[in-house]
Amino acid sequence: MTTHQVIAPGVEAVTAPLAAGPILPRPKPKPKKISAGNVIGAFLRRAINPLQLWRAISLQWNRKAHHHTYDDAQLALYSKMLPGEFLHFGYFDQTDILPEETRLADITRAQQRYADLLLELVGKKEEPVLDVGCGMGGLSRMLLARGYQPTALTPDRLQVSHIQASMPQVPVIRTKFECLNPAEYAHRFGTVYTSESLQYLKLDGALPIMESILAPGGRWVACDFFHIHPCEESRSGHVWDEFVSRITAAGWKISFQRDITPNILPTLGYINMWASRFGIPLIQFGFLRLRRKQPGLHHLIANSLDLLEAIAQQNIAVIDPVLFASEKRYIMLVIERA
């Protein structure tokens, strides 16, 4: 029983039991009402503060160095939404499934199926495997369960922490692939996976490292999207013909190739449906509510709100399955030394 002290003048402290009774929850503090004046005032206080202004300039100038902050938040969101520790598009055997008929459990199963297909391409069990761009470690966990010796590689702090906590027996290398020390890992790995991480690799730096770290007879298993034609967006990802030409000139050959574009489109359709039917309407609802509740503030930032909605629409277009299929191919590969 919980006790408290009762102290009278001139008397030593004695212990008495607390009276039994229900413990009532503390009332939640009433949320503060946000007014347009408060918002504008907070903005102006920062805008005219030299230290805050310098901080804003510094963040903008060094924005590339802070991309990992956004990546951490994005990956944290994915890891909570998708419980299978995978961050890829998955593989649907039923390619004609409608977005309205797709469930989150279907996405999870598709991601598992995708990983199963990748594992069918792994090399010798006695040779270590490098999982480049390991995400939350789903593929590494499956490799470990099947008796392989995976090593995970990622530059992302969130992913490193998650894998070290959930799979302490899996070594994690925190670096970009192009920054890997090839001498330290010379001929170490029988298989190197780049599952949806190939799109980020700069081939000039990546190909010599790949050649150095693969064991004799080893294989490079890649699965990612490729642009059909050069375009402005091809700064992210590789153009298929150019990629094949580059690796062939560097002494590599494609020993296995499978176009799985139709099999990843249901995931895009599902995400696109939710973004189009719920995301954009919710954004528009929020803007209309702001205009009714805070018309002055809405008037001041109306152009910015229009820009935000345009950016949202642009990002939704990127995950339009019809547009994706017209511009890209998603291909599973095994690449070996010629």
C-alpha atoms as a PDB file:
ATOM      1  CA  MET A   1       0.000   0.000   0.000  1.00  0.00           C
ATOM      2  CA  THR A   2       1.298   3.474  -0.851  1.00  0.00           C
ATOM      3  CA  THR A   3       2.196   5.617   2.188  1.00  0.00           C
ATOM      4  CA  HIS A   4       2.894   9.245   2.998  1.00  0.00           C
ATOM      5  CA  GLN A   5       4.449  11.029   5.992  1.00  0.00           C
ATOM      6  CA  VAL A   6       2.375  12.882   8.592  1.00  0.00           C
ATOM      7  CA  ILE A   7       4.482  15.345  10.592  1.00  0.00           C
ATOM      8  CA  ALA A   8       3.183  17.267  13.674  1.00  0.00           C
ATOM      9  CA  PRO A   9       5.157  19.887  15.625  1.00  0.00           C
ATOM     10  CA  GLY A  10       7.493  18.241  18.124  1.00  0.00           C
ATOM     11  CA  VAL A  11       6.604  14.779  16.944  1.00  0.00           C
ATOM     12  CA  GLU A  12       8.813  12.482  14.912  1.00  0.00           C
ATOM     13  CA  ALA A  13       7.675  11.617  11.431  1.00  0.00           C
ATOM     14  CA  VAL A  14       5.442   8.568  11.302  1.00  0.00           C
ATOM     15  CA  THR A  15       4.187   6.665   8.328  1.00  0.00           C
ATOM     16  CA  ALA A  16       0.440   6.540   7.607  1.00  0.00           C
ATOM     17  CA  PRO A  17      -1.340   4.814   4.759  1.00  0.00           C
ATOM     18  CA  LEU A  18      -2.906   6.843   2.006  1.00  0.00           C
ATOM     19  CA  ALA A  19      -6.666   6.595   1.761  1.00  0.00           C
ATOM     20  CA  ALA A  20      -7.716   4.213  -0.977  1.00  0.00           C
ATOM     21  CA  GLY A  21      -9.676   5.688  -3.836  1.00  0.00           C
ATOM     22  CA  PRO A  22      -9.830   5.940  -7.567  1.00  0.00           C
ATOM     23  CA  ILE A  23      -6.932   7.680  -9.307  1.00  0.00           C
ATOM     24  CA  LEU A  24      -8.422  10.227 -11.620  1.00  0.00           C
ATOM     25  CA  PRO A  25      -6.570  11.090 -14.820  1.00  0.00           C
ATOM     26  CA  ARG A  26      -5.124  14.562 -15.037  1.00  0.00           C
ATOM     27  CA  PRO A  27      -7.122  16.792 -17.329  1.00  0.00           C
ATOM     28  CA  LYS A  28      -5.402  17.463 -20.610  1.00  0.00           C
ATOM     29  CA  PRO A  29      -4.219  21.040 -21.038  1.00  0.00           C
ATOM     30  CA  LYS A  30      -6.454  23.001 -23.331  1.00  0.00           C
ATOM     31  CA  PRO A  31      -4.688  23.579 -26.652  1.00  0.00           C
ATOM     32  CA  LYS A  32      -3.696  27.140 -27.343  1.00  0.00           C
ATOM     33  CA  LYS A  33      -5.614  28.890 -30.053  1.00  0.00           C
ATOM     34  CA  ILE A  34      -3.387  29.893 -32.945  1.00  0.00           C
ATOM     35  CA  SER A  35      -4.134  33.264 -34.433  1.00  0.00           C
ATOM     36  CA  ALA A  36      -2.823  34.877 -37.593  1.00  0.00           C
ATOM     37  CA  GLY A  37      -1.122  37.505 -35.433  1.00  0.00           C
ATOM     38  CA  ASN A  38       0.766  34.837 -33.491  1.00  0.00           C
ATOM     39  CA  VAL A  39       1.947  33.144 -36.691  1.00  0.00           C
ATOM     40  CA  ILE A  40       3.074  36.387 -38.332  1.00  0.00           C
ATOM     41  CA  GLY A  41       4.720  37.549 -35.123  1.00  0.00           C
ATOM     42  CA  ALA A  42       6.668  34.314 -34.772  1.00  0.00           C
ATOM     43  CA  PHE A  43       7.840  34.637 -38.370  1.00  0.00           C
ATOM     44  CA  LEU A  44       8.918  38.260 -37.963  1.00  0.00           C
ATOM     45  CA  ARG A  45      10.766  37.570 -34.719  1.00  0.00           C
ATOM     46  CA  ARG A  46      12.920  35.042 -36.525  1.00  0.00           C
ATOM     47  CA  ALA A  47      13.244  37.037 -39.737  1.00  0.00           C
ATOM     48  CA  ILE A  48      14.667  40.126 -37.952  1.00  0.00           C
ATOM     49  CA  ASN A  49      16.915  38.162 -35.583  1.00  0.00           C
ATOM     50  CA  PRO A  50      20.465  38.197 -37.084  1.00  0.00           C
ATOM     51  CA  LEU A  51      21.360  34.828 -35.554  1.00  0.00           C
ATOM     52  CA  GLN A  52      18.207  33.164 -36.888  1.00  0.00           C
ATOM     53  CA  LEU A  53      18.679  34.798 -40.283  1.00  0.00           C
ATOM     54  CA  TRP A  54      22.255  33.542 -40.460  1.00  0.00           C
ATOM     55  CA  ARG A  55      21.077  30.066 -39.435  1.00  0.00           C
ATOM     56  CA  ALA A  56      18.497  30.089 -42.246  1.00  0.00           C
ATOM     57  CA  ILE A  57      21.123  31.170 -44.805  1.00  0.00           C
ATOM     58  CA  SER A  58      23.531  28.508 -43.560  1.00  0.00           C
ATOM     59  CA  LEU A  59      20.897  25.752 -43.766  1.00  0.00           C
ATOM     60  CA  GLN A  60      19.956  26.796 -47.285  1.00  0.00           C
ATOM     61  CA  TRP A  61      23.574  27.011 -48.424  1.00  0.00           C
ATOM     62  CA  ASN A  62      24.411  23.599 -46.980  1.00  0.00           C
ATOM     63  CA  ARG A  63      21.072  21.974 -47.829  1.00  0.00           C
ATOM     64  CA  LYS A  64      22.702  19.010 -49.603  1.00  0.00           C
ATOM     65  CA  ALA A  65      24.592  18.143 -46.434  1.00  0.00           C
ATOM     66  CA  HIS A  66      21.298  17.966 -44.523  1.00  0.00           C
ATOM     67  CA  HIS A  67      19.435  15.679 -46.922  1.00  0.00           C
ATOM     68  CA  HIS A  68      19.935  12.803 -44.473  1.00  0.00           C
ATOM     69  CA  THR A  69      17.624  14.550 -41.997  1.00  0.00           C
ATOM     70  CA  TYR A  70      14.761  14.268 -44.462  1.00  0.00           C
ATOM     71  CA  ASP A  71      15.811  10.733 -45.375  1.00  0.00           C
ATOM     72  CA  ASP A  72      15.768   9.701 -41.710  1.00  0.00           C
ATOM     73  CA  ALA A  73      12.244  11.021 -41.274  1.00  0.00           C
ATOM     74  CA  GLN A  74      11.074   9.414 -44.504  1.00  0.00           C
ATOM     75  CA  LEU A  75      12.569   6.033 -43.608  1.00  0.00           C
ATOM     76  CA  ALA A  76      11.120   6.220 -40.105  1.00  0.00           C
ATOM     77  CA  LEU A  77       7.702   6.762 -41.669  1.00  0.00           C
ATOM     78  CA  TYR A  78       8.161   3.823 -44.060  1.00  0.00           C
ATOM     79  CA  SER A  79       9.344   1.521 -41.284  1.00  0.00           C
ATOM     80  CA  LYS A  80       6.176   2.252 -39.271  1.00  0.00           C
ATOM     81  CA  MET A  81       3.841   1.879 -42.253  1.00  0.00           C
ATOM     82  CA  LEU A  82       5.415  -1.294 -43.666  1.00  0.00           C
ATOM     83  CA  PRO A  83       6.217  -3.863 -40.971  1.00  0.00           C
ATOM     84  CA  GLY A  84       8.307  -6.172 -43.164  1.00  0.00           C
ATOM     85  CA  GLU A  85      11.560  -4.138 -42.978  1.00  0.00           C
ATOM     86  CA  PHE A  86      11.503  -3.609 -46.736  1.00  0.00           C
ATOM     87  CA  LEU A  87      11.520  -0.275 -48.549  1.00  0.00           C
ATOM     88  CA  HIS A  88      11.018  -1.466 -52.130  1.00  0.00           C
ATOM     89  CA  PHE A  89       8.027  -1.735 -54.494  1.00  0.00           C
ATOM     90  CA  GLY A  90       7.443  -5.452 -54.034  1.00  0.00           C
ATOM     91  CA  TYR A  91       6.429  -8.028 -56.629  1.00  0.00           C
ATOM     92  CA  PHE A  92       2.809  -8.896 -57.437  1.00  0.00           C
ATOM     93  CA  ASP A  93       2.134 -12.187 -59.219  1.00  0.00           C
ATOM     94  CA  GLN A  94      -1.387 -10.904 -59.975  1.00  0.00           C
ATOM     95  CA  THR A  95      -0.554  -7.868 -62.074  1.00  0.00           C
ATOM     96  CA  ASP A  96      -4.144  -6.850 -62.893  1.00  0.00           C
ATOM     97  CA  ILE A  97      -5.226  -6.277 -59.284  1.00  0.00           C
ATOM     98  CA  LEU A  98      -7.042  -2.959 -58.914  1.00  0.00           C
ATOM     99  CA  PRO A  99      -5.847  -0.329 -56.417  1.00  0.00           C
ATOM    100  CA  GLU A 100      -9.291  -0.394 -54.775  1.00  0.00           C
ATOM    101  CA  GLU A 101      -8.919  -4.134 -54.162  1.00  0.00           C
ATOM    102  CA  THR A 102      -5.381  -3.891 -52.794  1.00  0.00           C
ATOM    103  CA  ARG A 103      -4.737  -4.032 -49.065  1.00  0.00           C
ATOM    104  CA  LEU A 104      -1.684  -3.150 -47.025  1.00  0.00           C
ATOM    105  CA  ALA A 105      -1.238  -6.865 -46.311  1.00  0.00           C
ATOM    106  CA  ASP A 106      -0.988  -7.427 -50.085  1.00  0.00           C
ATOM    107  CA  ILE A 107       1.852  -4.892 -50.267  1.00  0.00           C
ATOM    108  CA  THR A 108       3.659  -6.656 -47.426  1.00  0.00           C
ATOM    109  CA  ARG A 109       3.301 -10.044 -49.161  1.00  0.00           C
ATOM    110  CA  ALA A 110       4.500  -8.530 -52.439  1.00  0.00           C
ATOM    111  CA  GLN A 111       7.609  -7.209 -50.728  1.00  0.00           C
ATOM    112  CA  GLN A 112       8.285 -10.651 -49.277  1.00  0.00           C
ATOM    113  CA  ARG A 113       7.821 -12.192 -52.734  1.00  0.00           C
ATOM    114  CA  TYR A 114      10.259  -9.683 -54.215  1.00  0.00           C
ATOM    115  CA  ALA A 115      12.875 -10.645 -51.614  1.00  0.00           C
ATOM    116  CA  ASP A 116      12.294 -14.363 -52.270  1.00  0.00           C
ATOM    117  CA  LEU A 117      13.051 -13.814 -55.961  1.00  0.00           C
ATOM    118  CA  LEU A 118      16.248 -11.971 -55.112  1.00  0.00           C
ATOM    119  CA  LEU A 119      17.347 -14.792 -52.825  1.00  0.00           C
ATOM    120  CA  GLU A 120      16.961 -17.260 -55.686  1.00  0.00           C
ATOM    121  CA  LEU A 121      19.851 -15.433 -57.358  1.00  0.00           C
ATOM    122  CA  VAL A 122      22.317 -15.510 -54.445  1.00  0.00           C
ATOM    123  CA  GLY A 123      25.700 -17.188 -54.946  1.00  0.00           C
ATOM    124  CA  LYS A 124      27.589 -19.715 -52.830  1.00  0.00           C
ATOM    125  CA  LYS A 125      26.426 -20.055 -49.224  1.00  0.00           C
ATOM    126  CA  GLU A 126      29.963 -20.197 -47.858  1.00  0.00           C
ATOM    127  CA  GLU A 127      30.807 -16.769 -49.286  1.00  0.00           C
ATOM    128  CA  PRO A 128      29.711 -13.564 -47.506  1.00  0.00           C
ATOM    129  CA  VAL A 129      26.992 -11.381 -49.049  1.00  0.00           C
ATOM    130  CA  LEU A 130      26.957  -7.577 -49.172  1.00  0.00           C
ATOM    131  CA  ASP A 131      23.546  -5.874 -49.068  1.00  0.00           C
ATOM    132  CA  VAL A 132      24.152  -2.397 -50.522  1.00  0.00           C
ATOM    133  CA  GLY A 133      21.507   0.145 -49.584  1.00  0.00           C
ATOM    134  CA  CYS A 134      20.119  -2.348 -47.079  1.00  0.00           C
ATOM    135  CA  GLY A 135      17.091  -0.296 -46.028  1.00  0.00           C
ATOM    136  CA  MET A 136      15.705  -1.543 -42.719  1.00  0.00           C
ATOM    137  CA  GLY A 137      17.503  -4.873 -43.144  1.00  0.00           C
ATOM    138  CA  GLY A 138      14.725  -7.109 -44.476  1.00  0.00           C
ATOM    139  CA  LEU A 139      16.889  -8.859 -47.064  1.00  0.00           C
ATOM    140  CA  SER A 140      19.797  -9.214 -44.638  1.00  0.00           C
ATOM    141  CA  ARG A 141      17.473 -10.849 -42.106  1.00  0.00           C
ATOM    142  CA  MET A 142      16.277 -13.369 -44.688  1.00  0.00           C
ATOM    143  CA  LEU A 143      19.845 -14.132 -45.755  1.00  0.00           C
ATOM    144  CA  LEU A 144      20.809 -14.698 -42.137  1.00  0.00           C
ATOM    145  CA  ALA A 145      17.837 -17.022 -41.577  1.00  0.00           C
ATOM    146  CA  ARG A 146      18.897 -19.113 -44.570  1.00  0.00           C
ATOM    147  CA  GLY A 147      22.432 -19.589 -43.318  1.00  0.00           C
ATOM    148  CA  TYR A 148      24.231 -16.905 -45.302  1.00  0.00           C
ATOM    149  CA  GLN A 149      26.666 -14.362 -43.899  1.00  0.00           C
ATOM    150  CA  PRO A 150      25.215 -10.940 -44.757  1.00  0.00           C
ATOM    151  CA  THR A 151      26.905  -7.602 -44.284  1.00  0.00           C
ATOM    152  CA  ALA A 152      24.672  -4.528 -44.538  1.00  0.00           C
ATOM    153  CA  LEU A 153      25.841  -1.258 -46.065  1.00  0.00           C
ATOM    154  CA  THR A 154      24.087   2.085 -45.733  1.00  0.00           C
ATOM    155  CA  PRO A 155      25.050   5.719 -45.121  1.00  0.00           C
ATOM    156  CA  ASP A 156      21.839   6.288 -43.161  1.00  0.00           C
ATOM    157  CA  ARG A 157      22.010   6.580 -39.370  1.00  0.00           C
ATOM    158  CA  LEU A 158      18.450   5.400 -38.781  1.00  0.00           C
ATOM    159  CA  GLN A 159      19.008   2.222 -40.765  1.00  0.00           C
ATOM    160  CA  VAL A 160      22.318   1.513 -39.014  1.00  0.00           C
ATOM    161  CA  SER A 161      20.738   1.920 -35.572  1.00  0.00           C
ATOM    162  CA  HIS A 162      17.757  -0.256 -36.485  1.00  0.00           C
ATOM    163  CA  ILE A 163      19.874  -3.124 -37.830  1.00  0.00           C
ATOM    164  CA  GLN A 164      22.364  -3.008 -34.964  1.00  0.00           C
ATOM    165  CA  ALA A 165      19.509  -3.187 -32.471  1.00  0.00           C
ATOM    166  CA  SER A 166      17.456  -5.864 -34.228  1.00  0.00           C
ATOM    167  CA  MET A 167      20.256  -7.962 -35.781  1.00  0.00           C
ATOM    168  CA  PRO A 168      23.454  -7.460 -33.770  1.00  0.00           C
ATOM    169  CA  GLN A 169      25.048 -10.446 -35.493  1.00  0.00           C
ATOM    170  CA  VAL A 170      24.943  -8.654 -38.875  1.00  0.00           C
ATOM    171  CA  PRO A 171      27.929  -6.335 -39.491  1.00  0.00           C
ATOM    172  CA  VAL A 172      26.895  -2.888 -40.724  1.00  0.00           C
ATOM    173  CA  ILE A 173      29.111  -0.613 -42.793  1.00  0.00           C
ATOM    174  CA  ARG A 174      27.984   2.997 -42.587  1.00  0.00           C
ATOM    175  CA  THR A 175      29.136   4.634 -45.806  1.00  0.00           C
ATOM    176  CA  LYS A 176      28.170   5.275 -49.387  1.00  0.00           C
ATOM    177  CA  PHE A 177      29.179   2.437 -51.686  1.00  0.00           C
ATOM    178  CA  GLU A 178      31.517   4.698 -53.675  1.00  0.00           C
ATOM    179  CA  CYS A 179      33.345   5.550 -50.416  1.00  0.00           C
ATOM    180  CA  LEU A 180      33.961   1.910 -49.487  1.00  0.00           C
ATOM    181  CA  ASN A 181      37.643   1.036 -49.069  1.00  0.00           C
ATOM    182  CA  PRO A 182      38.172  -1.665 -51.736  1.00  0.00           C
ATOM    183  CA  ALA A 183      41.469  -2.808 -50.224  1.00  0.00           C
ATOM    184  CA  GLU A 184      39.775  -3.591 -46.909  1.00  0.00           C
ATOM    185  CA  TYR A 185      37.173  -5.799 -48.592  1.00  0.00           C
ATOM    186  CA  ALA A 186      39.169  -7.124 -51.539  1.00  0.00           C
ATOM    187  CA  HIS A 187      37.517 -10.270 -53.024  1.00  0.00           C
ATOM    188  CA  ARG A 188      35.443 -10.600 -49.845  1.00  0.00           C
ATOM    189  CA  PHE A 189      31.909 -11.097 -51.154  1.00  0.00           C
ATOM    190  CA  GLY A 190      30.480 -13.874 -53.282  1.00  0.00           C
ATOM    191  CA  THR A 191      27.307 -11.854 -53.934  1.00  0.00           C
ATOM    192  CA  VAL A 192      26.660  -8.117 -53.865  1.00  0.00           C
ATOM    193  CA  TYR A 193      23.035  -6.921 -53.880  1.00  0.00           C
ATOM    194  CA  THR A 194      21.966  -3.487 -55.088  1.00  0.00           C
ATOM    195  CA  SER A 195      18.207  -3.665 -54.664  1.00  0.00           C
ATOM    196  CA  GLU A 196      16.728  -0.247 -55.460  1.00  0.00           C
ATOM    197  CA  SER A 197      20.105   1.266 -54.601  1.00  0.00           C
ATOM    198  CA  LEU A 198      21.671   0.958 -58.063  1.00  0.00           C
ATOM    199  CA  GLN A 199      19.809   4.124 -59.090  1.00  0.00           C
ATOM    200  CA  TYR A 200      21.960   6.113 -56.648  1.00  0.00           C
ATOM    201  CA  LEU A 201      25.347   4.678 -57.653  1.00  0.00           C
ATOM    202  CA  LYS A 202      27.748   6.725 -59.750  1.00  0.00           C
ATOM    203  CA  LEU A 203      29.181   4.139 -62.123  1.00  0.00           C
ATOM    204  CA  ASP A 204      32.577   5.799 -62.505  1.00  0.00           C
ATOM    205  CA  GLY A 205      33.314   5.160 -58.848  1.00  0.00           C
ATOM    206  CA  ALA A 206      31.113   2.121 -58.256  1.00  0.00           C
ATOM    207  CA  LEU A 207      32.289  -0.243 -61.011  1.00  0.00           C
ATOM    208  CA  PRO A 208      35.972  -0.455 -59.931  1.00  0.00           C
ATOM    209  CA  ILE A 209      34.908  -1.036 -56.312  1.00  0.00           C
ATOM    210  CA  MET A 210      32.421  -3.716 -57.365  1.00  0.00           C
ATOM    211  CA  GLU A 211      35.130  -5.510 -59.310  1.00  0.00           C
ATOM    212  CA  SER A 212      37.533  -5.318 -56.386  1.00  0.00           C
ATOM    213  CA  ILE A 213      35.226  -6.580 -53.621  1.00  0.00           C
ATOM    214  CA  LEU A 214      33.650  -9.491 -55.533  1.00  0.00           C
ATOM    215  CA  ALA A 215      35.248 -12.884 -55.017  1.00  0.00           C
ATOM    216  CA  PRO A 216      36.403 -14.750 -58.140  1.00  0.00           C
ATOM    217  CA  GLY A 217      33.279 -16.008 -59.881  1.00  0.00           C
ATOM    218  CA  GLY A 218      31.111 -13.772 -57.721  1.00  0.00           C
ATOM    219  CA  ARG A 219      27.913 -12.127 -58.884  1.00  0.00           C
ATOM    220  CA  TRP A 220      26.328  -8.707 -58.694  1.00  0.00           C
ATOM    221  CA  VAL A 221      22.551  -8.950 -58.262  1.00  0.00           C
ATOM    222  CA  ALA A 222      20.738  -5.725 -59.161  1.00  0.00           C
ATOM    223  CA  CYS A 223      17.036  -4.900 -59.173  1.00  0.00           C
ATOM    224  CA  ASP A 224      15.940  -1.374 -59.973  1.00  0.00           C
ATOM    225  CA  PHE A 225      14.191   0.911 -62.434  1.00  0.00           C
ATOM    226  CA  PHE A 226      15.845   2.249 -65.586  1.00  0.00           C
ATOM    227  CA  HIS A 227      14.795   5.117 -67.822  1.00  0.00           C
ATOM    228  CA  ILE A 228      13.894   4.098 -71.356  1.00  0.00           C
ATOM    229  CA  HIS A 229      15.144   7.389 -72.799  1.00  0.00           C
ATOM    230  CA  PRO A 230      17.377  10.182 -71.457  1.00  0.00           C
ATOM    231  CA  CYS A 231      15.380  12.853 -69.647  1.00  0.00           C
ATOM    232  CA  GLU A 232      15.794  15.483 -66.983  1.00  0.00           C
ATOM    233  CA  GLU A 233      14.671  13.007 -64.320  1.00  0.00           C
ATOM    234  CA  SER A 234      17.392  10.567 -65.407  1.00  0.00           C
ATOM    235  CA  ARG A 235      19.747  12.379 -63.076  1.00  0.00           C
ATOM    236  CA  SER A 236      18.217   9.922 -60.610  1.00  0.00           C
ATOM    237  CA  GLY A 237      18.547   6.412 -61.973  1.00  0.00           C
ATOM    238  CA  HIS A 238      20.251   5.159 -65.120  1.00  0.00           C
ATOM    239  CA  VAL A 239      19.194   5.099 -68.751  1.00  0.00           C
ATOM    240  CA  TRP A 240      19.002   1.438 -69.762  1.00  0.00           C
ATOM    241  CA  ASP A 241      20.983   1.536 -73.016  1.00  0.00           C
ATOM    242  CA  GLU A 242      23.653   3.731 -71.476  1.00  0.00           C
ATOM    243  CA  PHE A 243      23.939   1.458 -68.451  1.00  0.00           C
ATOM    244  CA  VAL A 244      24.388  -1.671 -70.575  1.00  0.00           C
ATOM    245  CA  SER A 245      26.968   0.104 -72.726  1.00  0.00           C
ATOM    246  CA  ARG A 246      28.920   1.301 -69.672  1.00  0.00           C
ATOM    247  CA  ILE A 247      29.127  -2.038 -67.886  1.00  0.00           C
ATOM    248  CA  THR A 248      29.950  -3.895 -71.122  1.00  0.00           C
ATOM    249  CA  ALA A 249      32.818  -1.497 -71.830  1.00  0.00           C
ATOM    250  CA  ALA A 250      34.062  -2.061 -68.257  1.00  0.00           C
ATOM    251  CA  GLY A 251      34.250  -5.840 -68.769  1.00  0.00           C
ATOM    252  CA  TRP A 252      30.919  -6.994 -67.307  1.00  0.00           C
ATOM    253  CA  LYS A 253      28.175  -9.147 -68.793  1.00  0.00           C
ATOM    254  CA  ILE A 254      24.510  -9.630 -67.950  1.00  0.00           C
ATOM    255  CA  SER A 255      23.967 -13.351 -67.281  1.00  0.00           C
ATOM    256  CA  PHE A 256      20.329 -13.035 -66.171  1.00  0.00           C
ATOM    257  CA  GLN A 257      17.706 -10.433 -67.030  1.00  0.00           C
ATOM    258  CA  ARG A 258      14.017 -10.194 -66.151  1.00  0.00           C
ATOM    259  CA  ASP A 259      11.688  -7.262 -66.746  1.00  0.00           C
ATOM    260  CA  ILE A 260       9.310  -7.105 -63.763  1.00  0.00           C
ATOM    261  CA  THR A 261       7.735  -3.724 -64.553  1.00  0.00           C
ATOM    262  CA  PRO A 262       4.137  -5.095 -64.603  1.00  0.00           C
ATOM    263  CA  ASN A 263       4.722  -6.763 -61.238  1.00  0.00           C
ATOM    264  CA  ILE A 264       5.635  -3.576 -59.374  1.00  0.00           C
ATOM    265  CA  LEU A 265       2.882  -1.379 -60.860  1.00  0.00           C
ATOM    266  CA  PRO A 266       0.161  -2.468 -58.379  1.00  0.00           C
ATOM    267  CA  THR A 267       2.158  -0.911 -55.556  1.00  0.00           C
ATOM    268  CA  LEU A 268       2.437   2.352 -57.464  1.00  0.00           C
ATOM    269  CA  GLY A 269      -1.272   2.224 -58.251  1.00  0.00           C
ATOM    270  CA  TYR A 270      -2.125   1.713 -54.587  1.00  0.00           C
ATOM    271  CA  ILE A 271       0.034   4.624 -53.411  1.00  0.00           C
ATOM    272  CA  ASN A 272      -1.190   6.838 -56.241  1.00  0.00           C
ATOM    273  CA  MET A 273      -4.817   6.095 -55.364  1.00  0.00           C
ATOM    274  CA  TRP A 274      -4.378   7.102 -51.725  1.00  0.00           C
ATOM    275  CA  ALA A 275      -2.445  10.230 -52.619  1.00  0.00           C
ATOM    276  CA  SER A 276      -4.934  11.330 -55.291  1.00  0.00           C
ATOM    277  CA  ARG A 277      -8.153  10.494 -53.459  1.00  0.00           C
ATOM    278  CA  PHE A 278      -7.159  11.482 -49.962  1.00  0.00           C
ATOM    279  CA  GLY A 279      -3.875  13.403 -49.941  1.00  0.00           C
ATOM    280  CA  ILE A 280      -4.771  16.213 -52.344  1.00  0.00           C
ATOM    281  CA  PRO A 281      -8.363  16.636 -51.063  1.00  0.00           C
ATOM    282  CA  LEU A 282      -7.061  16.860 -47.491  1.00  0.00           C
ATOM    283  CA  ILE A 283      -4.540  19.506 -48.531  1.00  0.00           C
ATOM    284  CA  GLN A 284      -7.293  21.478 -50.273  1.00  0.00           C
ATOM    285  CA  PHE A 285      -9.574  21.101 -47.261  1.00  0.00           C
ATOM    286  CA  GLY A 286      -6.836  22.439 -45.002  1.00  0.00           C
ATOM    287  CA  PHE A 287      -6.329  25.460 -47.237  1.00  0.00           C
ATOM    288  CA  LEU A 288     -10.074  26.210 -47.345  1.00  0.00           C
ATOM    289  CA  ARG A 289     -10.307  25.913 -43.567  1.00  0.00           C
ATOM    290  CA  LEU A 290      -7.366  28.262 -43.179  1.00  0.00           C
ATOM    291  CA  ARG A 291      -9.058  30.781 -45.514  1.00  0.00           C
ATOM    292  CA  ARG A 292     -12.243  30.675 -43.415  1.00  0.00           C
ATOM    293  CA  LYS A 293     -10.566  30.733 -40.004  1.00  0.00           C
ATOM    294  CA  GLN A 294      -7.599  33.000 -40.771  1.00  0.00           C
ATOM    295  CA  PRO A 295      -8.412  34.974 -43.933  1.00  0.00           C
ATOM    296  CA  GLY A 296      -5.649  37.503 -43.364  1.00  0.00           C
ATOM    297  CA  LEU A 297      -2.937  34.864 -43.018  1.00  0.00           C
ATOM    298  CA  HIS A 298      -4.374  32.940 -45.982  1.00  0.00           C
ATOM    299  CA  HIS A 299      -4.182  36.064 -48.145  1.00  0.00           C
ATOM    300  CA  LEU A 300      -0.528  36.624 -47.249  1.00  0.00           C
ATOM    301  CA  ILE A 301       0.603  33.077 -48.040  1.00  0.00           C
ATOM    302  CA  ALA A 302      -1.880  32.177 -50.801  1.00  0.00           C
ATOM    303  CA  ASN A 303       0.839  31.972 -53.464  1.00  0.00           C
ATOM    304  CA  SER A 304       2.889  29.656 -51.268  1.00  0.00           C
ATOM    305  CA  LEU A 305      -0.128  27.419 -50.691  1.00  0.00           C
ATOM    306  CA  ASP A 306      -0.697  27.173 -54.439  1.00  0.00           C
ATOM    307  CA  LEU A 307       2.953  26.230 -54.873  1.00  0.00           C
ATOM    308  CA  LEU A 308       2.683  23.533 -52.185  1.00  0.00           C
ATOM    309  CA  GLU A 309      -0.311  21.990 -53.914  1.00  0.00           C
ATOM    310  CA  ALA A 310       1.511  22.079 -57.274  1.00  0.00           C
ATOM    311  CA  ILE A 311       4.495  20.304 -55.721  1.00  0.00           C
ATOM    312  CA  ALA A 312       2.187  17.667 -54.254  1.00  0.00           C
ATOM    313  CA  GLN A 313       0.554  17.125 -57.646  1.00  0.00           C
ATOM    314  CA  GLN A 314       3.974  16.833 -59.267  1.00  0.00           C
ATOM    315  CA  ASN A 315       5.096  14.200 -56.774  1.00  0.00           C
ATOM    316  CA  ILE A 316       1.904  12.221 -57.301  1.00  0.00           C
ATOM    317  CA  ALA A 317       2.586  12.217 -61.043  1.00  0.00           C
ATOM    318  CA  VAL A 318       5.898  10.461 -60.357  1.00  0.00           C
ATOM    319  CA  ILE A 319       4.017   7.491 -58.871  1.00  0.00           C
ATOM    320  CA  ASP A 320       1.422   7.311 -61.645  1.00  0.00           C
ATOM    321  CA  PRO A 321       1.704   3.670 -62.825  1.00  0.00           C
ATOM    322  CA  VAL A 322       0.685   4.524 -66.398  1.00  0.00           C
ATOM    323  CA  LEU A 323       3.313   7.253 -66.638  1.00  0.00           C
ATOM    324  CA  PHE A 324       5.922   5.020 -64.982  1.00  0.00           C
ATOM    325  CA  ALA A 325       5.335   2.200 -67.486  1.00  0.00           C
ATOM    326  CA  SER A 326       5.635   4.608 -70.408  1.00  0.00           C
ATOM    327  CA  GLU A 327       8.979   6.010 -69.280  1.00  0.00           C
ATOM    328  CA  LYS A 328      10.738   3.344 -67.224  1.00  0.00           C
ATOM    329  CA  ARG A 329      11.526  -0.344 -66.970  1.00  0.00           C
ATOM    330  CA  TYR A 330      12.014  -2.195 -63.711  1.00  0.00           C
ATOM    331  CA  ILE A 331      14.562  -4.957 -64.271  1.00  0.00           C
ATOM    332  CA  MET A 332      16.071  -7.758 -62.190  1.00  0.00           C
ATOM    333  CA  LEU A 333      19.659  -8.590 -63.180  1.00  0.00           C
ATOM    334  CA  VAL A 334      22.612 -10.825 -62.460  1.00  0.00           C
ATOM    335  CA  ILE A 335      25.848  -9.192 -63.623  1.00  0.00           C
ATOM    336  CA  GLU A 336      29.181 -11.015 -63.728  1.00  0.00           C
ATOM    337  CA  ARG A 337      32.680 -10.439 -65.028  1.00  0.00           C
ATOM    338  CA  ALA A 338      32.882 -11.199 -68.736  1.00  0.00           C
END
